[in-house]
Amino acid sequence: MKHLILSSVISAVMLLSACADTHHLKRTQGAGIASNQRSSAYIALPKDGSFGSAQYTGSGAMVAQEIGAAFSPYMRETVTGAHYEPMDAAVTSASKGEYDYLIYPKILHWEDRDTEWSGRPDVTPVKVTIIDVSSGKVVDSGIIGGESKIISWGGDRPEDLLSKPLADYAAELFN
């Protein structure tokens, strides 16, 4: 009887843990930015994500949009680039636009899976580098992302995994 109860508890814990998305934030450099509602940021549009032969058209724009939503409460203005630019070109664009910061995202991995059928989660790590435009120095960087829950009823998208960790990153960055 004890074994039946124990195995039931273990099964329930595993099932419940499969029902939750996981998020992660790993800051790799920097000490944060003093909160300043007068500052502005140019968000570079990252290249769309891919995995193997699958190309996820529009994923770069989705990442930039999520970054804008996370950072806009802390800044006077956030503007997203119109097309992908290498970092040097993005620094030049941010400088010409007289922005205080360049936020340069790079999609490291992007998997949009049929999790319900495959048991494989959506995955979305994104590296975010923040550059002080006037000095050209990196003031902070981090890797943000998550994995979707294994048990869902459909409709999960990789970009949905970024909202919370990006909001957490922005809050931590501006404290």
Foldseek 3Di string as FASTA:
>chain_A
DVVVVVVVVVVVVVVVQLQAWDKDKFWDDADFDAQDQAAEEEEEQEQFAADDPGTDPPNSVLLSVLLCVLQNVRYVYYHYDPDHDPPVVQLVVCVVVVGQKYKYKYWPHFDDDPLQPPVFWTKTWMKIWMAGSVVRDTRIIMIIAITHRNDDPDDDHRSVGGNVRSNVVNVSRND
